[in-house]
PDB file of all heavy atoms in Angstrom:
ATOM      1  N   LEU A   1     -59.626 -36.877  14.151  1.00  0.00           N
ATOM      2  CA  LEU A   1     -58.410 -37.199  13.411  1.00  0.00           C
ATOM      3  C   LEU A   1     -58.037 -38.666  13.583  1.00  0.00           C
ATOM      4  O   LEU A   1     -57.621 -39.332  12.639  1.00  0.00           O
ATOM      5  CB  LEU A   1     -57.258 -36.302  13.889  1.00  0.00           C
ATOM      6  CG  LEU A   1     -57.380 -34.816  13.537  1.00  0.00           C
ATOM      7  CD1 LEU A   1     -56.237 -34.027  14.167  1.00  0.00           C
ATOM      8  CD2 LEU A   1     -57.371 -34.614  12.024  1.00  0.00           C
ATOM      9  N   THR A   2     -58.207 -39.184  14.803  1.00  0.00           N
ATOM     10  CA  THR A   2     -57.901 -40.589  15.068  1.00  0.00           C
ATOM     11  C   THR A   2     -58.827 -41.497  14.272  1.00  0.00           C
ATOM     12  O   THR A   2     -58.409 -42.501  13.694  1.00  0.00           O
ATOM     13  CB  THR A   2     -58.039 -40.899  16.566  1.00  0.00           C
ATOM     14  OG1 THR A   2     -57.184 -40.037  17.300  1.00  0.00           O
ATOM     15  CG2 THR A   2     -57.667 -42.356  16.857  1.00  0.00           C
ATOM     16  N   SER A   3     -60.107 -41.144  14.210  1.00  0.00           N
ATOM     17  CA  SER A   3     -61.085 -41.934  13.464  1.00  0.00           C
ATOM     18  C   SER A   3     -60.743 -41.960  11.984  1.00  0.00           C
ATOM     19  O   SER A   3     -60.832 -42.996  11.328  1.00  0.00           O
ATOM     20  CB  SER A   3     -62.501 -41.377  13.657  1.00  0.00           C
ATOM     21  OG  SER A   3     -62.868 -41.432  15.016  1.00  0.00           O
ATOM     22  N   CYS A   4     -60.344 -40.814  11.449  1.00  0.00           N
ATOM     23  CA  CYS A   4     -59.982 -40.731  10.029  1.00  0.00           C
ATOM     24  C   CYS A   4     -58.774 -41.611   9.728  1.00  0.00           C
ATOM     25  O   CYS A   4     -58.727 -42.299   8.712  1.00  0.00           O
ATOM     26  CB  CYS A   4     -59.689 -39.295   9.635  1.00  0.00           C
ATOM     27  SG  CYS A   4     -61.159 -38.240   9.583  1.00  0.00           S
ATOM     28  N   GLN A   5     -57.783 -41.582  10.649  1.00  0.00           N
ATOM     29  CA  GLN A   5     -56.588 -42.384  10.441  1.00  0.00           C
ATOM     30  C   GLN A   5     -56.911 -43.870  10.485  1.00  0.00           C
ATOM     31  O   GLN A   5     -56.420 -44.654   9.682  1.00  0.00           O
ATOM     32  CB  GLN A   5     -55.546 -42.043  11.512  1.00  0.00           C
ATOM     33  CG  GLN A   5     -54.970 -40.639  11.363  1.00  0.00           C
ATOM     34  CD  GLN A   5     -54.088 -40.250  12.526  1.00  0.00           C
ATOM     35  OE1 GLN A   5     -53.981 -41.000  13.495  1.00  0.00           O
ATOM     36  NE2 GLN A   5     -53.450 -39.095  12.444  1.00  0.00           N
ATOM     37  N   THR A   6     -57.789 -44.257  11.438  1.00  0.00           N
ATOM     38  CA  THR A   6     -58.173 -45.655  11.558  1.00  0.00           C
ATOM     39  C   THR A   6     -58.921 -46.116  10.322  1.00  0.00           C
ATOM     40  O   THR A   6     -58.662 -47.175   9.769  1.00  0.00           O
ATOM     41  CB  THR A   6     -59.063 -45.856  12.806  1.00  0.00           C
ATOM     42  OG1 THR A   6     -58.348 -45.425  13.958  1.00  0.00           O
ATOM     43  CG2 THR A   6     -59.448 -47.333  12.956  1.00  0.00           C
ATOM     44  N   GLN A   7     -59.844 -45.282   9.843  1.00  0.00           N
ATOM     45  CA  GLN A   7     -60.614 -45.635   8.657  1.00  0.00           C
ATOM     46  C   GLN A   7     -59.715 -45.740   7.437  1.00  0.00           C
ATOM     47  O   GLN A   7     -59.841 -46.657   6.633  1.00  0.00           O
ATOM     48  CB  GLN A   7     -61.710 -44.597   8.415  1.00  0.00           C
ATOM     49  CG  GLN A   7     -62.599 -44.946   7.227  1.00  0.00           C
ATOM     50  CD  GLN A   7     -63.687 -43.921   7.029  1.00  0.00           C
ATOM     51  OE1 GLN A   7     -63.687 -42.878   7.663  1.00  0.00           O
ATOM     52  NE2 GLN A   7     -64.604 -44.225   6.139  1.00  0.00           N
ATOM     53  N   SER A   8     -58.768 -44.819   7.312  1.00  0.00           N
ATOM     54  CA  SER A   8     -57.866 -44.826   6.172  1.00  0.00           C
ATOM     55  C   SER A   8     -56.984 -46.066   6.183  1.00  0.00           C
ATOM     56  O   SER A   8     -56.689 -46.648   5.152  1.00  0.00           O
ATOM     57  CB  SER A   8     -57.002 -43.563   6.180  1.00  0.00           C
ATOM     58  OG  SER A   8     -56.052 -43.606   5.157  1.00  0.00           O
ATOM     59  N   ARG A   9     -56.588 -46.491   7.387  1.00  0.00           N
ATOM     60  CA  ARG A   9     -55.666 -47.617   7.515  1.00  0.00           C
ATOM     61  C   ARG A   9     -56.352 -48.961   7.261  1.00  0.00           C
ATOM     62  O   ARG A   9     -55.766 -49.852   6.674  1.00  0.00           O
ATOM     63  CB  ARG A   9     -55.057 -47.603   8.912  1.00  0.00           C
ATOM     64  CG  ARG A   9     -54.055 -48.737   9.152  1.00  0.00           C
ATOM     65  CD  ARG A   9     -53.496 -48.666  10.553  1.00  0.00           C
ATOM     66  NE  ARG A   9     -52.595 -49.775  10.828  1.00  0.00           N
ATOM     67  CZ  ARG A   9     -52.053 -50.020  12.013  1.00  0.00           C
ATOM     68  NH1 ARG A   9     -52.343 -49.224  13.041  1.00  0.00           N
ATOM     69  NH2 ARG A   9     -51.243 -51.035  12.178  1.00  0.00           N
ATOM     70  N   PHE A  10     -57.613 -49.092   7.696  1.00  0.00           N
ATOM     71  CA  PHE A  10     -58.255 -50.402   7.666  1.00  0.00           C
ATOM     72  C   PHE A  10     -59.412 -50.533   6.687  1.00  0.00           C
ATOM     73  O   PHE A  10     -59.998 -51.586   6.565  1.00  0.00           O
ATOM     74  CB  PHE A  10     -58.756 -50.756   9.071  1.00  0.00           C
ATOM     75  CG  PHE A  10     -57.649 -50.950  10.073  1.00  0.00           C
ATOM     76  CD1 PHE A  10     -57.415 -50.008  11.058  1.00  0.00           C
ATOM     77  CD2 PHE A  10     -56.840 -52.070  10.025  1.00  0.00           C
ATOM     78  CE1 PHE A  10     -56.395 -50.187  11.984  1.00  0.00           C
ATOM     79  CE2 PHE A  10     -55.823 -52.259  10.940  1.00  0.00           C
ATOM     80  CZ  PHE A  10     -55.592 -51.320  11.926  1.00  0.00           C
ATOM     81  N   SER A  11     -59.753 -49.483   5.981  1.00  0.00           N
ATOM     82  CA  SER A  11     -60.949 -49.512   5.155  1.00  0.00           C
ATOM     83  C   SER A  11     -60.867 -50.486   3.982  1.00  0.00           C
ATOM     84  O   SER A  11     -61.881 -50.867   3.420  1.00  0.00           O
ATOM     85  CB  SER A  11     -61.256 -48.105   4.626  1.00  0.00           C
ATOM     86  OG  SER A  11     -60.199 -47.653   3.805  1.00  0.00           O
ATOM     87  N   LYS A  12     -59.658 -50.910   3.610  1.00  0.00           N
ATOM     88  CA  LYS A  12     -59.516 -51.812   2.468  1.00  0.00           C
ATOM     89  C   LYS A  12     -59.491 -53.281   2.887  1.00  0.00           C
ATOM     90  O   LYS A  12     -59.328 -54.160   2.057  1.00  0.00           O
ATOM     91  CB  LYS A  12     -58.241 -51.473   1.695  1.00  0.00           C
ATOM     92  CG  LYS A  12     -58.284 -50.083   1.055  1.00  0.00           C
ATOM     93  CD  LYS A  12     -57.023 -49.791   0.277  1.00  0.00           C
ATOM     94  CE  LYS A  12     -57.087 -48.407  -0.362  1.00  0.00           C
ATOM     95  NZ  LYS A  12     -55.859 -48.114  -1.125  1.00  0.00           N
ATOM     96  N   ASN A  13     -59.638 -53.530   4.183  1.00  0.00           N
ATOM     97  CA  ASN A  13     -59.588 -54.894   4.685  1.00  0.00           C
ATOM     98  C   ASN A  13     -60.765 -55.175   5.604  1.00  0.00           C
ATOM     99  O   ASN A  13     -61.248 -54.293   6.312  1.00  0.00           O
ATOM    100  CB  ASN A  13     -58.288 -55.129   5.463  1.00  0.00           C
ATOM    101  CG  ASN A  13     -57.063 -54.891   4.610  1.00  0.00           C
ATOM    102  OD1 ASN A  13     -56.700 -55.702   3.788  1.00  0.00           O
ATOM    103  ND2 ASN A  13     -56.431 -53.742   4.810  1.00  0.00           N
ATOM    104  N   LEU A  14     -61.228 -56.408   5.573  1.00  0.00           N
ATOM    105  CA  LEU A  14     -62.283 -56.850   6.477  1.00  0.00           C
ATOM    106  C   LEU A  14     -61.758 -58.069   7.222  1.00  0.00           C
ATOM    107  O   LEU A  14     -61.346 -59.055   6.605  1.00  0.00           O
ATOM    108  CB  LEU A  14     -63.553 -57.219   5.704  1.00  0.00           C
ATOM    109  CG  LEU A  14     -64.697 -57.819   6.522  1.00  0.00           C
ATOM    110  CD1 LEU A  14     -65.224 -56.810   7.530  1.00  0.00           C
ATOM    111  CD2 LEU A  14     -65.816 -58.289   5.602  1.00  0.00           C
ATOM    112  N   ILE A  15     -61.762 -58.007   8.539  1.00  0.00           N
ATOM    113  CA  ILE A  15     -61.281 -59.107   9.367  1.00  0.00           C
ATOM    114  C   ILE A  15     -62.467 -59.704  10.108  1.00  0.00           C
ATOM    115  O   ILE A  15     -63.159 -59.010  10.854  1.00  0.00           O
ATOM    116  CB  ILE A  15     -60.214 -58.625  10.371  1.00  0.00           C
ATOM    117  CG1 ILE A  15     -59.024 -58.018   9.610  1.00  0.00           C
ATOM    118  CG2 ILE A  15     -59.754 -59.784  11.256  1.00  0.00           C
ATOM    119  CD1 ILE A  15     -57.972 -57.387  10.505  1.00  0.00           C
ATOM    120  N   LEU A  16     -62.717 -60.979   9.874  1.00  0.00           N
ATOM    121  CA  LEU A  16     -63.814 -61.687  10.522  1.00  0.00           C
ATOM    122  C   LEU A  16     -63.262 -62.750  11.456  1.00  0.00           C
ATOM    123  O   LEU A  16     -62.272 -63.416  11.155  1.00  0.00           O
ATOM    124  CB  LEU A  16     -64.710 -62.352   9.475  1.00  0.00           C
ATOM    125  CG  LEU A  16     -65.386 -61.432   8.455  1.00  0.00           C
ATOM    126  CD1 LEU A  16     -66.169 -62.262   7.447  1.00  0.00           C
ATOM    127  CD2 LEU A  16     -66.309 -60.454   9.156  1.00  0.00           C
ATOM    128  N   SER A  17     -63.902 -62.900  12.592  1.00  0.00           N
ATOM    129  CA  SER A  17     -63.497 -63.915  13.559  1.00  0.00           C
ATOM    130  C   SER A  17     -64.308 -65.190  13.356  1.00  0.00           C
ATOM    131  O   SER A  17     -65.533 -65.142  13.267  1.00  0.00           O
ATOM    132  CB  SER A  17     -63.708 -63.393  14.984  1.00  0.00           C
ATOM    133  OG  SER A  17     -63.356 -64.380  15.932  1.00  0.00           O
ATOM    134  N   LEU A  18     -63.630 -66.332  13.272  1.00  0.00           N
ATOM    135  CA  LEU A  18     -64.283 -67.619  13.134  1.00  0.00           C
ATOM    136  C   LEU A  18     -64.219 -68.365  14.464  1.00  0.00           C
ATOM    137  O   LEU A  18     -63.234 -68.250  15.194  1.00  0.00           O
ATOM    138  CB  LEU A  18     -63.595 -68.456  12.052  1.00  0.00           C
ATOM    139  CG  LEU A  18     -63.609 -67.896  10.632  1.00  0.00           C
ATOM    140  CD1 LEU A  18     -62.725 -68.761   9.722  1.00  0.00           C
ATOM    141  CD2 LEU A  18     -65.024 -67.851  10.093  1.00  0.00           C
ATOM    142  N   PRO A  19     -65.244 -69.136  14.791  1.00  0.00           N
ATOM    143  CA  PRO A  19     -65.235 -69.864  16.071  1.00  0.00           C
ATOM    144  C   PRO A  19     -64.233 -71.013  16.111  1.00  0.00           C
ATOM    145  O   PRO A  19     -63.883 -71.507  17.177  1.00  0.00           O
ATOM    146  CB  PRO A  19     -66.673 -70.382  16.190  1.00  0.00           C
ATOM    147  CG  PRO A  19     -67.163 -70.457  14.793  1.00  0.00           C
ATOM    148  CD  PRO A  19     -66.514 -69.314  14.064  1.00  0.00           C
ATOM    149  N   ALA A  20     -63.760 -71.451  14.925  1.00  0.00           N
ATOM    150  CA  ALA A  20     -62.795 -72.549  14.859  1.00  0.00           C
ATOM    151  C   ALA A  20     -62.175 -72.569  13.474  1.00  0.00           C
ATOM    152  O   ALA A  20     -62.617 -71.854  12.573  1.00  0.00           O
ATOM    153  CB  ALA A  20     -63.487 -73.881  15.147  1.00  0.00           C
ATOM    154  N   ASP A  21     -61.132 -73.367  13.317  1.00  0.00           N
ATOM    155  CA  ASP A  21     -60.519 -73.531  12.002  1.00  0.00           C
ATOM    156  C   ASP A  21     -61.477 -74.332  11.110  1.00  0.00           C
ATOM    157  O   ASP A  21     -62.040 -75.334  11.554  1.00  0.00           O
ATOM    158  CB  ASP A  21     -59.202 -74.299  12.149  1.00  0.00           C
ATOM    159  CG  ASP A  21     -58.182 -73.922  11.093  1.00  0.00           C
ATOM    160  OD1 ASP A  21     -58.195 -72.759  10.656  1.00  0.00           O
ATOM    161  OD2 ASP A  21     -57.352 -74.780  10.735  1.00  0.00           O
ATOM    162  N   PRO A  22     -61.690 -73.906   9.862  1.00  0.00           N
ATOM    163  CA  PRO A  22     -62.552 -74.687   8.962  1.00  0.00           C
ATOM    164  C   PRO A  22     -62.015 -76.104   8.761  1.00  0.00           C
ATOM    165  O   PRO A  22     -60.810 -76.343   8.858  1.00  0.00           O
ATOM    166  CB  PRO A  22     -62.500 -73.892   7.657  1.00  0.00           C
ATOM    167  CG  PRO A  22     -62.173 -72.494   8.076  1.00  0.00           C
ATOM    168  CD  PRO A  22     -61.232 -72.649   9.239  1.00  0.00           C
ATOM    169  N   LEU A  23     -62.921 -77.010   8.452  1.00  0.00           N
ATOM    170  CA  LEU A  23     -62.522 -78.388   8.163  1.00  0.00           C
ATOM    171  C   LEU A  23     -62.190 -78.575   6.692  1.00  0.00           C
ATOM    172  O   LEU A  23     -61.331 -79.377   6.332  1.00  0.00           O
ATOM    173  CB  LEU A  23     -63.634 -79.360   8.568  1.00  0.00           C
ATOM    174  CG  LEU A  23     -63.994 -79.401  10.051  1.00  0.00           C
ATOM    175  CD1 LEU A  23     -65.145 -80.372  10.293  1.00  0.00           C
ATOM    176  CD2 LEU A  23     -62.776 -79.792  10.890  1.00  0.00           C
ATOM    177  N   THR A  24     -62.885 -77.838   5.818  1.00  0.00           N
ATOM    178  CA  THR A  24     -62.669 -77.977   4.376  1.00  0.00           C
ATOM    179  C   THR A  24     -63.170 -76.741   3.657  1.00  0.00           C
ATOM    180  O   THR A  24     -64.130 -76.105   4.103  1.00  0.00           O
ATOM    181  CB  THR A  24     -63.400 -79.218   3.824  1.00  0.00           C
ATOM    182  OG1 THR A  24     -63.220 -79.283   2.399  1.00  0.00           O
ATOM    183  CG2 THR A  24     -64.886 -79.162   4.118  1.00  0.00           C
ATOM    184  N   LEU A  25     -62.535 -76.399   2.552  1.00  0.00           N
ATOM    185  CA  LEU A  25     -62.995 -75.287   1.727  1.00  0.00           C
ATOM    186  C   LEU A  25     -63.582 -75.814   0.417  1.00  0.00           C
ATOM    187  O   LEU A  25     -63.390 -75.255  -0.640  1.00  0.00           O
ATOM    188  CB  LEU A  25     -61.845 -74.298   1.477  1.00  0.00           C
ATOM    189  CG  LEU A  25     -61.324 -73.612   2.739  1.00  0.00           C
ATOM    190  CD1 LEU A  25     -60.244 -72.598   2.399  1.00  0.00           C
ATOM    191  CD2 LEU A  25     -62.445 -72.955   3.536  1.00  0.00           C
ATOM    192  N   ASN A  26     -64.299 -76.908   0.553  1.00  0.00           N
ATOM    193  CA  ASN A  26     -65.058 -77.481  -0.554  1.00  0.00           C
ATOM    194  C   ASN A  26     -66.530 -77.472  -0.142  1.00  0.00           C
ATOM    195  O   ASN A  26     -66.894 -78.135   0.838  1.00  0.00           O
ATOM    196  CB  ASN A  26     -64.595 -78.915  -0.838  1.00  0.00           C
ATOM    197  CG  ASN A  26     -65.258 -79.512  -2.065  1.00  0.00           C
ATOM    198  OD1 ASN A  26     -66.428 -79.288  -2.323  1.00  0.00           O
ATOM    199  ND2 ASN A  26     -64.491 -80.293  -2.811  1.00  0.00           N
ATOM    200  N   PRO A  27     -67.387 -76.730  -0.823  1.00  0.00           N
ATOM    201  CA  PRO A  27     -68.782 -76.581  -0.381  1.00  0.00           C
ATOM    202  C   PRO A  27     -69.586 -77.874  -0.348  1.00  0.00           C
ATOM    203  O   PRO A  27     -70.544 -77.983   0.412  1.00  0.00           O
ATOM    204  CB  PRO A  27     -69.377 -75.592  -1.387  1.00  0.00           C
ATOM    205  CG  PRO A  27     -68.459 -75.600  -2.555  1.00  0.00           C
ATOM    206  CD  PRO A  27     -67.104 -75.925  -2.019  1.00  0.00           C
ATOM    207  N   ILE A  28     -69.208 -78.863  -1.161  1.00  0.00           N
ATOM    208  CA  ILE A  28     -69.915 -80.136  -1.126  1.00  0.00           C
ATOM    209  C   ILE A  28     -69.671 -80.857   0.200  1.00  0.00           C
ATOM    210  O   ILE A  28     -70.561 -81.489   0.766  1.00  0.00           O
ATOM    211  CB  ILE A  28     -69.475 -81.029  -2.299  1.00  0.00           C
ATOM    212  CG1 ILE A  28     -70.102 -80.546  -3.594  1.00  0.00           C
ATOM    213  CG2 ILE A  28     -69.869 -82.482  -2.065  1.00  0.00           C
ATOM    214  CD1 ILE A  28     -69.806 -81.432  -4.774  1.00  0.00           C
ATOM    215  N   LEU A  29     -68.452 -80.747   0.717  1.00  0.00           N
ATOM    216  CA  LEU A  29     -68.071 -81.464   1.933  1.00  0.00           C
ATOM    217  C   LEU A  29     -68.319 -80.659   3.198  1.00  0.00           C
ATOM    218  O   LEU A  29     -68.378 -81.224   4.288  1.00  0.00           O
ATOM    219  CB  LEU A  29     -66.588 -81.850   1.858  1.00  0.00           C
ATOM    220  CG  LEU A  29     -66.143 -82.612   0.600  1.00  0.00           C
ATOM    221  CD1 LEU A  29     -64.646 -82.876   0.652  1.00  0.00           C
ATOM    222  CD2 LEU A  29     -66.912 -83.905   0.442  1.00  0.00           C
ATOM    223  N   ALA A  30     -68.456 -79.351   3.073  1.00  0.00           N
ATOM    224  CA  ALA A  30     -68.596 -78.490   4.250  1.00  0.00           C
ATOM    225  C   ALA A  30     -69.882 -78.788   5.007  1.00  0.00           C
ATOM    226  O   ALA A  30     -70.935 -78.987   4.411  1.00  0.00           O
ATOM    227  CB  ALA A  30     -68.565 -77.026   3.826  1.00  0.00           C
ATOM    228  N   GLN A  31     -69.772 -78.788   6.338  1.00  0.00           N
ATOM    229  CA  GLN A  31     -70.945 -79.076   7.153  1.00  0.00           C
ATOM    230  C   GLN A  31     -71.011 -78.234   8.418  1.00  0.00           C
ATOM    231  O   GLN A  31     -71.999 -78.296   9.149  1.00  0.00           O
ATOM    232  CB  GLN A  31     -70.952 -80.560   7.540  1.00  0.00           C
ATOM    233  CG  GLN A  31     -69.690 -81.005   8.281  1.00  0.00           C
ATOM    234  CD  GLN A  31     -69.731 -82.461   8.664  1.00  0.00           C
ATOM    235  OE1 GLN A  31     -70.648 -82.907   9.354  1.00  0.00           O
ATOM    236  NE2 GLN A  31     -68.753 -83.236   8.197  1.00  0.00           N
ATOM    237  N   GLU A  32     -69.981 -77.419   8.702  1.00  0.00           N
ATOM    238  CA  GLU A  32     -69.982 -76.624   9.932  1.00  0.00           C
ATOM    239  C   GLU A  32     -69.742 -75.149   9.587  1.00  0.00           C
ATOM    240  O   GLU A  32     -69.285 -74.798   8.502  1.00  0.00           O
ATOM    241  CB  GLU A  32     -68.960 -77.130  10.954  1.00  0.00           C
ATOM    242  CG  GLU A  32     -67.721 -77.838  10.401  1.00  0.00           C
ATOM    243  CD  GLU A  32     -66.841 -76.968   9.535  1.00  0.00           C
ATOM    244  OE1 GLU A  32     -66.269 -76.000  10.037  1.00  0.00           O
ATOM    245  OE2 GLU A  32     -66.729 -77.254   8.333  1.00  0.00           O
ATOM    246  N   ILE A  33     -70.118 -74.286  10.523  1.00  0.00           N
ATOM    247  CA  ILE A  33     -70.138 -72.837  10.306  1.00  0.00           C
ATOM    248  C   ILE A  33     -68.815 -72.267   9.793  1.00  0.00           C
ATOM    249  O   ILE A  33     -68.816 -71.481   8.836  1.00  0.00           O
ATOM    250  CB  ILE A  33     -70.586 -72.109  11.584  1.00  0.00           C
ATOM    251  CG1 ILE A  33     -72.044 -72.467  11.916  1.00  0.00           C
ATOM    252  CG2 ILE A  33     -70.440 -70.593  11.419  1.00  0.00           C
ATOM    253  CD1 ILE A  33     -73.029 -72.098  10.827  1.00  0.00           C
ATOM    254  N   PRO A  34     -67.646 -72.580  10.381  1.00  0.00           N
ATOM    255  CA  PRO A  34     -66.399 -71.979   9.871  1.00  0.00           C
ATOM    256  C   PRO A  34     -66.163 -72.255   8.387  1.00  0.00           C
ATOM    257  O   PRO A  34     -65.812 -71.342   7.631  1.00  0.00           O
ATOM    258  CB  PRO A  34     -65.323 -72.623  10.747  1.00  0.00           C
ATOM    259  CG  PRO A  34     -66.033 -72.954  12.016  1.00  0.00           C
ATOM    260  CD  PRO A  34     -67.398 -73.395  11.589  1.00  0.00           C
ATOM    261  N   SER A  35     -66.351 -73.501   7.956  1.00  0.00           N
ATOM    262  CA  SER A  35     -66.138 -73.833   6.548  1.00  0.00           C
ATOM    263  C   SER A  35     -67.143 -73.117   5.650  1.00  0.00           C
ATOM    264  O   SER A  35     -66.783 -72.534   4.623  1.00  0.00           O
ATOM    265  CB  SER A  35     -66.265 -75.351   6.329  1.00  0.00           C
ATOM    266  OG  SER A  35     -65.255 -76.049   7.013  1.00  0.00           O
ATOM    267  N   ILE A  36     -68.411 -73.156   6.049  1.00  0.00           N
ATOM    268  CA  ILE A  36     -69.462 -72.532   5.246  1.00  0.00           C
ATOM    269  C   ILE A  36     -69.243 -71.025   5.147  1.00  0.00           C
ATOM    270  O   ILE A  36     -69.425 -70.425   4.072  1.00  0.00           O
ATOM    271  CB  ILE A  36     -70.847 -72.842   5.861  1.00  0.00           C
ATOM    272  CG1 ILE A  36     -71.140 -74.343   5.742  1.00  0.00           C
ATOM    273  CG2 ILE A  36     -71.934 -72.039   5.170  1.00  0.00           C
ATOM    274  CD1 ILE A  36     -72.370 -74.789   6.507  1.00  0.00           C
ATOM    275  N   THR A  37     -68.819 -70.390   6.228  1.00  0.00           N
ATOM    276  CA  THR A  37     -68.595 -68.943   6.239  1.00  0.00           C
ATOM    277  C   THR A  37     -67.546 -68.538   5.213  1.00  0.00           C
ATOM    278  O   THR A  37     -67.743 -67.607   4.424  1.00  0.00           O
ATOM    279  CB  THR A  37     -68.157 -68.475   7.637  1.00  0.00           C
ATOM    280  OG1 THR A  37     -69.192 -68.774   8.583  1.00  0.00           O
ATOM    281  CG2 THR A  37     -67.890 -66.966   7.648  1.00  0.00           C
ATOM    282  N   VAL A  38     -66.424 -69.234   5.194  1.00  0.00           N
ATOM    283  CA  VAL A  38     -65.346 -68.903   4.258  1.00  0.00           C
ATOM    284  C   VAL A  38     -65.764 -69.231   2.821  1.00  0.00           C
ATOM    285  O   VAL A  38     -65.532 -68.454   1.895  1.00  0.00           O
ATOM    286  CB  VAL A  38     -64.054 -69.649   4.625  1.00  0.00           C
ATOM    287  CG1 VAL A  38     -62.942 -69.330   3.613  1.00  0.00           C
ATOM    288  CG2 VAL A  38     -63.596 -69.253   6.030  1.00  0.00           C
ATOM    289  N   ASN A  39     -66.405 -70.376   2.645  1.00  0.00           N
ATOM    290  CA  ASN A  39     -66.826 -70.782   1.301  1.00  0.00           C
ATOM    291  C   ASN A  39     -67.778 -69.777   0.663  1.00  0.00           C
ATOM    292  O   ASN A  39     -67.780 -69.608  -0.564  1.00  0.00           O
ATOM    293  CB  ASN A  39     -67.503 -72.157   1.358  1.00  0.00           C
ATOM    294  CG  ASN A  39     -66.512 -73.287   1.537  1.00  0.00           C
ATOM    295  OD1 ASN A  39     -65.343 -73.145   1.223  1.00  0.00           O
ATOM    296  ND2 ASN A  39     -66.984 -74.409   2.055  1.00  0.00           N
ATOM    297  N   ASN A  40     -68.589 -69.125   1.472  1.00  0.00           N
ATOM    298  CA  ASN A  40     -69.549 -68.154   0.934  1.00  0.00           C
ATOM    299  C   ASN A  40     -68.873 -66.975   0.238  1.00  0.00           C
ATOM    300  O   ASN A  40     -69.495 -66.306  -0.596  1.00  0.00           O
ATOM    301  CB  ASN A  40     -70.456 -67.637   2.048  1.00  0.00           C
ATOM    302  CG  ASN A  40     -71.503 -68.645   2.465  1.00  0.00           C
ATOM    303  OD1 ASN A  40     -71.773 -69.595   1.739  1.00  0.00           O
ATOM    304  ND2 ASN A  40     -72.087 -68.467   3.642  1.00  0.00           N
ATOM    305  N   PHE A  41     -67.628 -66.703   0.560  1.00  0.00           N
ATOM    306  CA  PHE A  41     -66.887 -65.627  -0.099  1.00  0.00           C
ATOM    307  C   PHE A  41     -66.221 -66.108  -1.396  1.00  0.00           C
ATOM    308  O   PHE A  41     -65.930 -65.314  -2.280  1.00  0.00           O
ATOM    309  CB  PHE A  41     -65.792 -65.075   0.824  1.00  0.00           C
ATOM    310  CG  PHE A  41     -66.310 -64.258   1.973  1.00  0.00           C
ATOM    311  CD1 PHE A  41     -66.490 -64.830   3.224  1.00  0.00           C
ATOM    312  CD2 PHE A  41     -66.629 -62.921   1.809  1.00  0.00           C
ATOM    313  CE1 PHE A  41     -66.966 -64.078   4.278  1.00  0.00           C
ATOM    314  CE2 PHE A  41     -67.108 -62.160   2.858  1.00  0.00           C
ATOM    315  CZ  PHE A  41     -67.278 -62.745   4.104  1.00  0.00           C
TER     316      PHE A  41
END
């Protein structure tokens, strides 16, 4: 029952952890993992 409640509550969202704040959300200027990760979406 707990698993079902957790799945129902969070299944519409995906939370990803980044190692740092991105520097830019422009793919031409991006050069580090946090920026590239967000830009890919």
